[in-house]
Amino acid sequence: MTDTPDVTVVVPAKDERDNLPILLDEIAAALEGRPFEVLVIDDGSSDGTDQVLAAYAAAHTWLRPLRHARACGQSAAVRTGVLNARGRVVATIDGDGENNPAYIPELLKALEDGGPAVALAAGQRIGRKASRAKRLASRLANRLRGALLQDNTRDSGCGLKALRRDVFLQLPYFDSWHRFLPALVIREGYGVVHVDVLDRQRRHGTSKYGIFDRALIGALDLFGVWWLRRRRKAIPAVSEIAPAPDHNA
C-alpha cells in the first residue's frame, strides 16, 4: 500500500467474521498492481469480527479496520468509510460476500471512461440468488423508485459501486442514503453509468436485513429523495474571475 492510494474500498460489515477474510483476499487479488486501501467498518458486531480484522490487518498493511461502538446501520458504516477514505475514488462492496470483488476493476474503468461528467459507476445484479419473495419485493421497490426518481437504474440496492469521493462528500446524508446514490448523484448534476454483475450466494451466516421490516421507512425515504430532487435549483457553472491587468505597471 502507498500513502496515496488510487482507490479506497469501503466494506460495511456486521457479524461477518467468517466471510471477511475470504472477501478481503478476493479484493486484494482483484486490485493487484494498483495502489489501494480497504476500510472495513465493523458496525457494532458481537461475533468477534473486530478480532478477525485485527489479526488480518497485522499481516496486510492495506487494511484499515474501523469499528462503531454500537450498530448504527449500513448507511452510517458507508459514510464512516467515505469520511476516512484517502483514495480519490471510493468503491463500496457489502461485507457478506454476495458481491464479487472481481467486478471492482470493471466499475473503476467504467467510471474513468465516463470522464468528468460521470461520478458514479453502479453495479446492477443479474442472476440473483435471494429468495423468490425477496426478489419480488426488490423488483417492486425498484420499479416504484425508478418511476418517481427517474434515475435510470434497474437495481439501486447492489452494494457494488464506484464513486468519486469529492462528489460523495457533497451528497445529503440520511439513513438508507446508500440505496439512493444514483438519484442523489444525478441531483448534483453528474452522470451515472451501470455495470451488470452476477450475484452469488453468501458462504456463511444469514442476511441481516428482512424483506418487509423497512418497508414504511423505505417509502418515506423514497418520497424524501423525490422532494430533494424537486427542490434542487439550477446547478451553477462556476469559473474563477481572473484579476484585471494593472495598466499602471
C-alpha atoms as a PDB file:
ATOM      1  CA  MET A   1       0.000   0.000   0.000  1.00  0.00           C
ATOM      2  CA  THR A   2       1.193   3.549  -0.767  1.00  0.00           C
ATOM      3  CA  ASP A   3       0.495   6.717   1.170  1.00  0.00           C
ATOM      4  CA  THR A   4      -1.787   7.918  -1.643  1.00  0.00           C
ATOM      5  CA  PRO A   5      -3.979   5.036  -2.834  1.00  0.00           C
ATOM      6  CA  ASP A   6      -5.828   5.398  -6.130  1.00  0.00           C
ATOM      7  CA  VAL A   7      -8.930   3.772  -4.705  1.00  0.00           C
ATOM      8  CA  THR A   8     -10.400   3.117  -1.289  1.00  0.00           C
ATOM      9  CA  VAL A   9     -12.657   0.083  -0.961  1.00  0.00           C
ATOM     10  CA  VAL A  10     -15.261   0.593   1.776  1.00  0.00           C
ATOM     11  CA  VAL A  11     -16.783  -2.545   3.278  1.00  0.00           C
ATOM     12  CA  PRO A  12     -19.662  -2.156   5.777  1.00  0.00           C
ATOM     13  CA  ALA A  13     -19.932  -5.307   7.890  1.00  0.00           C
ATOM     14  CA  LYS A  14     -21.907  -6.579  10.859  1.00  0.00           C
ATOM     15  CA  ASP A  15     -21.262 -10.041  12.285  1.00  0.00           C
ATOM     16  CA  GLU A  16     -19.351 -11.244   9.215  1.00  0.00           C
ATOM     17  CA  ARG A  17     -16.384 -12.853  10.992  1.00  0.00           C
ATOM     18  CA  ASP A  18     -16.293 -15.907   8.720  1.00  0.00           C
ATOM     19  CA  ASN A  19     -16.903 -14.110   5.411  1.00  0.00           C
ATOM     20  CA  LEU A  20     -14.464 -11.208   5.712  1.00  0.00           C
ATOM     21  CA  PRO A  21     -11.069 -12.975   5.378  1.00  0.00           C
ATOM     22  CA  ILE A  22     -12.216 -14.638   2.146  1.00  0.00           C
ATOM     23  CA  LEU A  23     -13.653 -11.376   0.826  1.00  0.00           C
ATOM     24  CA  LEU A  24     -10.512  -9.405   1.684  1.00  0.00           C
ATOM     25  CA  ASP A  25      -8.324 -11.939  -0.145  1.00  0.00           C
ATOM     26  CA  GLU A  26     -10.580 -11.543  -3.196  1.00  0.00           C
ATOM     27  CA  ILE A  27     -10.405  -7.725  -3.058  1.00  0.00           C
ATOM     28  CA  ALA A  28      -6.600  -7.829  -2.922  1.00  0.00           C
ATOM     29  CA  ALA A  29      -6.492 -10.194  -5.903  1.00  0.00           C
ATOM     30  CA  ALA A  30      -8.877  -8.007  -7.924  1.00  0.00           C
ATOM     31  CA  LEU A  31      -6.813  -4.847  -7.305  1.00  0.00           C
ATOM     32  CA  GLU A  32      -3.337  -6.357  -7.602  1.00  0.00           C
ATOM     33  CA  GLY A  33      -0.909  -3.890  -9.198  1.00  0.00           C
ATOM     34  CA  ARG A  34      -2.977  -0.830  -8.256  1.00  0.00           C
ATOM     35  CA  PRO A  35      -2.351   1.334  -5.155  1.00  0.00           C
ATOM     36  CA  PHE A  36      -5.364   0.729  -2.926  1.00  0.00           C
ATOM     37  CA  GLU A  37      -6.601   0.559   0.639  1.00  0.00           C
ATOM     38  CA  VAL A  38      -9.533  -1.237   2.211  1.00  0.00           C
ATOM     39  CA  LEU A  39     -11.602   0.188   5.055  1.00  0.00           C
ATOM     40  CA  VAL A  40     -13.802  -2.386   6.771  1.00  0.00           C
ATOM     41  CA  ILE A  41     -16.286  -0.721   9.105  1.00  0.00           C
ATOM     42  CA  ASP A  42     -17.328  -3.157  11.830  1.00  0.00           C
ATOM     43  CA  ASP A  43     -20.810  -1.893  12.638  1.00  0.00           C
ATOM     44  CA  GLY A  44     -21.020  -2.975  16.277  1.00  0.00           C
ATOM     45  CA  SER A  45     -20.528  -6.702  15.650  1.00  0.00           C
ATOM     46  CA  SER A  46     -20.813  -9.140  18.549  1.00  0.00           C
ATOM     47  CA  ASP A  47     -19.309 -12.247  16.887  1.00  0.00           C
ATOM     48  CA  GLY A  48     -15.606 -11.355  17.147  1.00  0.00           C
ATOM     49  CA  THR A  49     -15.403  -9.597  13.778  1.00  0.00           C
ATOM     50  CA  ASP A  50     -13.091  -6.974  15.329  1.00  0.00           C
ATOM     51  CA  GLN A  51     -10.607  -9.647  16.437  1.00  0.00           C
ATOM     52  CA  VAL A  52     -10.572 -11.232  12.974  1.00  0.00           C
ATOM     53  CA  LEU A  53      -9.919  -7.819  11.410  1.00  0.00           C
ATOM     54  CA  ALA A  54      -7.137  -7.019  13.881  1.00  0.00           C
ATOM     55  CA  ALA A  55      -5.353 -10.267  13.038  1.00  0.00           C
ATOM     56  CA  TYR A  56      -5.795  -9.753   9.285  1.00  0.00           C
ATOM     57  CA  ALA A  57      -4.567  -6.134   9.439  1.00  0.00           C
ATOM     58  CA  ALA A  58      -1.385  -7.230  11.219  1.00  0.00           C
ATOM     59  CA  ALA A  59      -0.380  -9.113   8.075  1.00  0.00           C
ATOM     60  CA  HIS A  60      -1.848  -6.768   5.428  1.00  0.00           C
ATOM     61  CA  THR A  61      -0.936  -3.087   5.669  1.00  0.00           C
ATOM     62  CA  TRP A  62      -3.531  -2.052   3.084  1.00  0.00           C
ATOM     63  CA  LEU A  63      -6.358  -2.911   5.506  1.00  0.00           C
ATOM     64  CA  ARG A  64      -7.603  -0.179   7.863  1.00  0.00           C
ATOM     65  CA  PRO A  65     -10.349  -1.635  10.083  1.00  0.00           C
ATOM     66  CA  LEU A  66     -12.683   0.795  11.857  1.00  0.00           C
ATOM     67  CA  ARG A  67     -15.345  -0.020  14.426  1.00  0.00           C
ATOM     68  CA  HIS A  68     -18.619   1.515  15.562  1.00  0.00           C
ATOM     69  CA  ALA A  69     -19.130   1.143  19.314  1.00  0.00           C
ATOM     70  CA  ARG A  70     -22.712   0.067  18.573  1.00  0.00           C
ATOM     71  CA  ALA A  71     -24.645  -0.850  15.459  1.00  0.00           C
ATOM     72  CA  CYS A  72     -25.605   2.293  13.526  1.00  0.00           C
ATOM     73  CA  GLY A  73     -26.709   0.764  10.223  1.00  0.00           C
ATOM     74  CA  GLN A  74     -25.230   0.211   6.783  1.00  0.00           C
ATOM     75  CA  SER A  75     -25.593   3.812   5.638  1.00  0.00           C
ATOM     76  CA  ALA A  76     -23.677   5.068   8.682  1.00  0.00           C
ATOM     77  CA  ALA A  77     -20.960   2.486   8.082  1.00  0.00           C
ATOM     78  CA  VAL A  78     -20.564   3.534   4.442  1.00  0.00           C
ATOM     79  CA  ARG A  79     -20.400   7.189   5.498  1.00  0.00           C
ATOM     80  CA  THR A  80     -17.716   6.433   8.092  1.00  0.00           C
ATOM     81  CA  GLY A  81     -15.694   4.770   5.362  1.00  0.00           C
ATOM     82  CA  VAL A  82     -16.086   7.663   2.926  1.00  0.00           C
ATOM     83  CA  LEU A  83     -15.114  10.245   5.558  1.00  0.00           C
ATOM     84  CA  ASN A  84     -11.940   8.309   6.385  1.00  0.00           C
ATOM     85  CA  ALA A  85     -11.014   7.303   2.838  1.00  0.00           C
ATOM     86  CA  ARG A  86      -7.778   8.544   1.271  1.00  0.00           C
ATOM     87  CA  GLY A  87      -8.433   7.443  -2.295  1.00  0.00           C
ATOM     88  CA  ARG A  88      -9.737   9.772  -4.998  1.00  0.00           C
ATOM     89  CA  VAL A  89     -12.332   7.113  -5.853  1.00  0.00           C
ATOM     90  CA  VAL A  90     -14.353   5.125  -3.314  1.00  0.00           C
ATOM     91  CA  ALA A  91     -15.594   1.645  -4.219  1.00  0.00           C
ATOM     92  CA  THR A  92     -18.226   0.054  -1.985  1.00  0.00           C
ATOM     93  CA  ILE A  93     -18.946  -3.640  -1.528  1.00  0.00           C
ATOM     94  CA  ASP A  94     -21.087  -5.497   1.008  1.00  0.00           C
ATOM     95  CA  GLY A  95     -19.281  -7.473   3.699  1.00  0.00           C
ATOM     96  CA  ASP A  96     -21.364 -10.646   3.326  1.00  0.00           C
ATOM     97  CA  GLY A  97     -19.545 -11.909   0.232  1.00  0.00           C
ATOM     98  CA  GLU A  98     -22.591 -11.862  -2.049  1.00  0.00           C
ATOM     99  CA  ASN A  99     -20.871  -9.204  -4.188  1.00  0.00           C
ATOM    100  CA  ASN A 100     -17.884 -10.443  -6.214  1.00  0.00           C
ATOM    101  CA  PRO A 101     -14.843  -8.102  -5.934  1.00  0.00           C
ATOM    102  CA  ALA A 102     -13.732  -9.215  -9.406  1.00  0.00           C
ATOM    103  CA  TYR A 103     -16.130  -6.559 -10.770  1.00  0.00           C
ATOM    104  CA  ILE A 104     -14.407  -3.652  -8.979  1.00  0.00           C
ATOM    105  CA  PRO A 105     -11.863  -3.043 -11.804  1.00  0.00           C
ATOM    106  CA  GLU A 106     -14.712  -3.021 -14.338  1.00  0.00           C
ATOM    107  CA  LEU A 107     -16.569  -0.409 -12.272  1.00  0.00           C
ATOM    108  CA  LEU A 108     -13.420   1.711 -11.967  1.00  0.00           C
ATOM    109  CA  LYS A 109     -12.856   1.539 -15.732  1.00  0.00           C
ATOM    110  CA  ALA A 110     -16.481   2.464 -16.472  1.00  0.00           C
ATOM    111  CA  LEU A 111     -16.148   5.468 -14.162  1.00  0.00           C
ATOM    112  CA  GLU A 112     -12.875   6.551 -15.772  1.00  0.00           C
ATOM    113  CA  ASP A 113     -14.211   6.083 -19.306  1.00  0.00           C
ATOM    114  CA  GLY A 114     -17.189   8.292 -18.445  1.00  0.00           C
ATOM    115  CA  GLY A 115     -14.933  11.316 -17.965  1.00  0.00           C
ATOM    116  CA  PRO A 116     -15.525  14.289 -15.658  1.00  0.00           C
ATOM    117  CA  ALA A 117     -19.274  14.373 -16.340  1.00  0.00           C
ATOM    118  CA  VAL A 118     -19.775  10.931 -14.738  1.00  0.00           C
ATOM    119  CA  ALA A 119     -19.404  10.498 -10.975  1.00  0.00           C
ATOM    120  CA  LEU A 120     -20.880   7.050 -10.275  1.00  0.00           C
ATOM    121  CA  ALA A 121     -20.489   3.569 -11.746  1.00  0.00           C
ATOM    122  CA  ALA A 122     -23.221   1.389 -10.223  1.00  0.00           C
ATOM    123  CA  GLY A 123     -23.440  -2.383 -10.282  1.00  0.00           C
ATOM    124  CA  GLN A 124     -26.761  -3.962 -11.241  1.00  0.00           C
ATOM    125  CA  ARG A 125     -27.305  -7.559 -10.179  1.00  0.00           C
ATOM    126  CA  ILE A 126     -28.294 -10.319 -12.565  1.00  0.00           C
ATOM    127  CA  GLY A 127     -28.998 -13.929 -11.651  1.00  0.00           C
ATOM    128  CA  ARG A 128     -29.981 -13.022  -8.093  1.00  0.00           C
ATOM    129  CA  LYS A 129     -29.688 -15.802  -5.512  1.00  0.00           C
ATOM    130  CA  ALA A 130     -32.092 -14.301  -2.955  1.00  0.00           C
ATOM    131  CA  SER A 131     -35.421 -15.958  -2.101  1.00  0.00           C
ATOM    132  CA  ARG A 132     -38.322 -15.526  -4.513  1.00  0.00           C
ATOM    133  CA  ALA A 133     -40.170 -13.306  -2.010  1.00  0.00           C
ATOM    134  CA  LYS A 134     -37.127 -11.066  -1.559  1.00  0.00           C
ATOM    135  CA  ARG A 135     -36.557 -10.804  -5.311  1.00  0.00           C
ATOM    136  CA  LEU A 136     -40.209  -9.835  -5.830  1.00  0.00           C
ATOM    137  CA  ALA A 137     -40.094  -7.196  -3.079  1.00  0.00           C
ATOM    138  CA  SER A 138     -36.875  -5.783  -4.537  1.00  0.00           C
ATOM    139  CA  ARG A 139     -38.319  -5.701  -8.059  1.00  0.00           C
ATOM    140  CA  LEU A 140     -41.421  -3.808  -6.926  1.00  0.00           C
ATOM    141  CA  ALA A 141     -39.369  -1.351  -4.871  1.00  0.00           C
ATOM    142  CA  ASN A 142     -37.012  -0.681  -7.790  1.00  0.00           C
ATOM    143  CA  ARG A 143     -39.910  -0.066 -10.180  1.00  0.00           C
ATOM    144  CA  LEU A 144     -41.508   2.424  -7.797  1.00  0.00           C
ATOM    145  CA  ARG A 145     -38.205   4.142  -7.175  1.00  0.00           C
ATOM    146  CA  GLY A 146     -37.432   4.371 -10.878  1.00  0.00           C
ATOM    147  CA  ALA A 147     -40.880   5.794 -11.673  1.00  0.00           C
ATOM    148  CA  LEU A 148     -40.592   8.530  -9.041  1.00  0.00           C
ATOM    149  CA  LEU A 149     -36.911   9.417  -9.213  1.00  0.00           C
ATOM    150  CA  GLN A 150     -36.195   8.812 -12.918  1.00  0.00           C
ATOM    151  CA  ASP A 151     -32.677   7.640 -12.055  1.00  0.00           C
ATOM    152  CA  ASN A 152     -32.464   5.162 -14.980  1.00  0.00           C
ATOM    153  CA  THR A 153     -31.204   2.491 -12.572  1.00  0.00           C
ATOM    154  CA  ARG A 154     -32.684  -1.004 -12.563  1.00  0.00           C
ATOM    155  CA  ASP A 155     -31.163  -2.082  -9.225  1.00  0.00           C
ATOM    156  CA  SER A 156     -30.080   0.615  -6.772  1.00  0.00           C
ATOM    157  CA  GLY A 157     -29.648  -1.899  -3.923  1.00  0.00           C
ATOM    158  CA  CYS A 158     -26.491  -3.528  -5.288  1.00  0.00           C
ATOM    159  CA  GLY A 159     -23.577  -2.924  -2.917  1.00  0.00           C
ATOM    160  CA  LEU A 160     -21.004  -2.752  -5.725  1.00  0.00           C
ATOM    161  CA  LYS A 161     -20.418   0.880  -6.683  1.00  0.00           C
ATOM    162  CA  ALA A 162     -17.533   3.195  -7.565  1.00  0.00           C
ATOM    163  CA  LEU A 163     -17.949   6.909  -6.891  1.00  0.00           C
ATOM    164  CA  ARG A 164     -15.698   9.941  -6.937  1.00  0.00           C
ATOM    165  CA  ARG A 165     -15.031  10.830  -3.310  1.00  0.00           C
ATOM    166  CA  ASP A 166     -15.368  14.593  -3.835  1.00  0.00           C
ATOM    167  CA  VAL A 167     -18.904  14.047  -5.151  1.00  0.00           C
ATOM    168  CA  PHE A 168     -19.676  11.517  -2.396  1.00  0.00           C
ATOM    169  CA  LEU A 169     -18.954  14.235   0.177  1.00  0.00           C
ATOM    170  CA  GLN A 170     -21.454  16.613  -1.471  1.00  0.00           C
ATOM    171  CA  LEU A 171     -24.413  14.258  -1.081  1.00  0.00           C
ATOM    172  CA  PRO A 172     -27.020  14.834   1.669  1.00  0.00           C
ATOM    173  CA  TYR A 173     -26.787  12.137   4.329  1.00  0.00           C
ATOM    174  CA  PHE A 174     -29.661  10.200   5.913  1.00  0.00           C
ATOM    175  CA  ASP A 175     -30.260   6.586   6.931  1.00  0.00           C
ATOM    176  CA  SER A 176     -30.776   4.412   3.823  1.00  0.00           C
ATOM    177  CA  TRP A 177     -28.915   7.054   1.799  1.00  0.00           C
ATOM    178  CA  HIS A 178     -26.744   4.336   0.209  1.00  0.00           C
ATOM    179  CA  ARG A 179     -29.830   2.912  -1.580  1.00  0.00           C
ATOM    180  CA  PHE A 180     -30.468   6.183  -3.449  1.00  0.00           C
ATOM    181  CA  LEU A 181     -26.971   7.065  -4.658  1.00  0.00           C
ATOM    182  CA  PRO A 182     -27.838   7.210  -8.404  1.00  0.00           C
ATOM    183  CA  ALA A 183     -30.661   9.712  -7.806  1.00  0.00           C
ATOM    184  CA  LEU A 184     -28.549  11.776  -5.398  1.00  0.00           C
ATOM    185  CA  VAL A 185     -25.610  11.890  -7.823  1.00  0.00           C
ATOM    186  CA  ILE A 186     -27.910  12.967 -10.665  1.00  0.00           C
ATOM    187  CA  ARG A 187     -29.280  15.672  -8.339  1.00  0.00           C
ATOM    188  CA  GLU A 188     -25.760  17.135  -8.161  1.00  0.00           C
ATOM    189  CA  GLY A 189     -25.592  17.339 -11.957  1.00  0.00           C
ATOM    190  CA  TYR A 190     -23.406  14.286 -12.665  1.00  0.00           C
ATOM    191  CA  GLY A 191     -23.976  11.227 -14.806  1.00  0.00           C
ATOM    192  CA  VAL A 192     -24.308   7.583 -13.765  1.00  0.00           C
ATOM    193  CA  VAL A 193     -23.108   4.525 -15.694  1.00  0.00           C
ATOM    194  CA  HIS A 194     -24.053   0.901 -14.999  1.00  0.00           C
ATOM    195  CA  VAL A 195     -22.262  -2.433 -14.973  1.00  0.00           C
ATOM    196  CA  ASP A 196     -24.108  -5.773 -14.829  1.00  0.00           C
ATOM    197  CA  VAL A 197     -22.722  -8.021 -12.076  1.00  0.00           C
ATOM    198  CA  LEU A 198     -23.524 -11.642 -11.304  1.00  0.00           C
ATOM    199  CA  ASP A 199     -24.985 -12.234  -7.863  1.00  0.00           C
ATOM    200  CA  ARG A 200     -23.709 -15.104  -5.735  1.00  0.00           C
ATOM    201  CA  GLN A 201     -24.614 -16.922  -2.538  1.00  0.00           C
ATOM    202  CA  ARG A 202     -23.056 -15.919   0.765  1.00  0.00           C
ATOM    203  CA  ARG A 203     -20.758 -18.599   2.174  1.00  0.00           C
ATOM    204  CA  HIS A 204     -21.505 -18.213   5.876  1.00  0.00           C
ATOM    205  CA  GLY A 205     -24.280 -16.808   8.046  1.00  0.00           C
ATOM    206  CA  THR A 206     -27.609 -15.288   7.120  1.00  0.00           C
ATOM    207  CA  SER A 207     -28.760 -11.903   5.848  1.00  0.00           C
ATOM    208  CA  LYS A 208     -29.065  -9.152   8.475  1.00  0.00           C
ATOM    209  CA  TYR A 209     -31.868  -7.477   6.503  1.00  0.00           C
ATOM    210  CA  GLY A 210     -35.520  -8.573   6.283  1.00  0.00           C
ATOM    211  CA  ILE A 211     -37.938  -8.134   3.410  1.00  0.00           C
ATOM    212  CA  PHE A 212     -40.705  -6.069   4.978  1.00  0.00           C
ATOM    213  CA  ASP A 213     -39.124  -4.659   8.161  1.00  0.00           C
ATOM    214  CA  ARG A 214     -38.083  -1.401   6.479  1.00  0.00           C
ATOM    215  CA  ALA A 215     -40.980  -1.038   4.001  1.00  0.00           C
ATOM    216  CA  LEU A 216     -42.550   2.035   5.628  1.00  0.00           C
ATOM    217  CA  ILE A 217     -39.198   3.713   6.257  1.00  0.00           C
ATOM    218  CA  GLY A 218     -38.164   2.940   2.673  1.00  0.00           C
ATOM    219  CA  ALA A 219     -41.318   4.568   1.318  1.00  0.00           C
ATOM    220  CA  LEU A 220     -40.722   7.687   3.417  1.00  0.00           C
ATOM    221  CA  ASP A 221     -37.094   7.824   2.235  1.00  0.00           C
ATOM    222  CA  LEU A 222     -38.236   7.477  -1.376  1.00  0.00           C
ATOM    223  CA  PHE A 223     -40.565  10.454  -1.131  1.00  0.00           C
ATOM    224  CA  GLY A 224     -37.880  12.345   0.779  1.00  0.00           C
ATOM    225  CA  VAL A 225     -35.405  11.893  -2.071  1.00  0.00           C
ATOM    226  CA  TRP A 226     -38.116  12.828  -4.571  1.00  0.00           C
ATOM    227  CA  TRP A 227     -38.638  16.058  -2.583  1.00  0.00           C
ATOM    228  CA  LEU A 228     -34.869  16.737  -2.514  1.00  0.00           C
ATOM    229  CA  ARG A 229     -34.683  16.375  -6.288  1.00  0.00           C
ATOM    230  CA  ARG A 230     -37.691  18.657  -6.778  1.00  0.00           C
ATOM    231  CA  ARG A 231     -36.133  21.309  -4.523  1.00  0.00           C
ATOM    232  CA  ARG A 232     -32.799  21.406  -6.392  1.00  0.00           C
ATOM    233  CA  LYS A 233     -32.427  24.698  -8.199  1.00  0.00           C
ATOM    234  CA  ALA A 234     -30.274  25.222 -11.273  1.00  0.00           C
ATOM    235  CA  ILE A 235     -26.733  23.926 -10.774  1.00  0.00           C
ATOM    236  CA  PRO A 236     -24.329  26.872 -11.187  1.00  0.00           C
ATOM    237  CA  ALA A 237     -21.448  26.704 -13.632  1.00  0.00           C
ATOM    238  CA  VAL A 238     -18.546  28.180 -11.667  1.00  0.00           C
ATOM    239  CA  SER A 239     -15.433  29.835 -13.080  1.00  0.00           C
ATOM    240  CA  GLU A 240     -12.726  31.867 -11.389  1.00  0.00           C
ATOM    241  CA  ILE A 241     -12.534  35.591 -12.165  1.00  0.00           C
ATOM    242  CA  ALA A 242      -9.006  36.493 -13.149  1.00  0.00           C
ATOM    243  CA  PRO A 243      -7.501  39.705 -11.690  1.00  0.00           C
ATOM    244  CA  ALA A 244      -7.729  42.682 -14.004  1.00  0.00           C
ATOM    245  CA  PRO A 245      -4.398  43.632 -15.619  1.00  0.00           C
ATOM    246  CA  ASP A 246      -2.588  46.523 -13.951  1.00  0.00           C
ATOM    247  CA  HIS A 247      -2.166  49.092 -16.734  1.00  0.00           C
ATOM    248  CA  ASN A 248      -0.041  51.335 -14.492  1.00  0.00           C
ATOM    249  CA  ALA A 249       2.637  48.721 -14.014  1.00  0.00           C
END
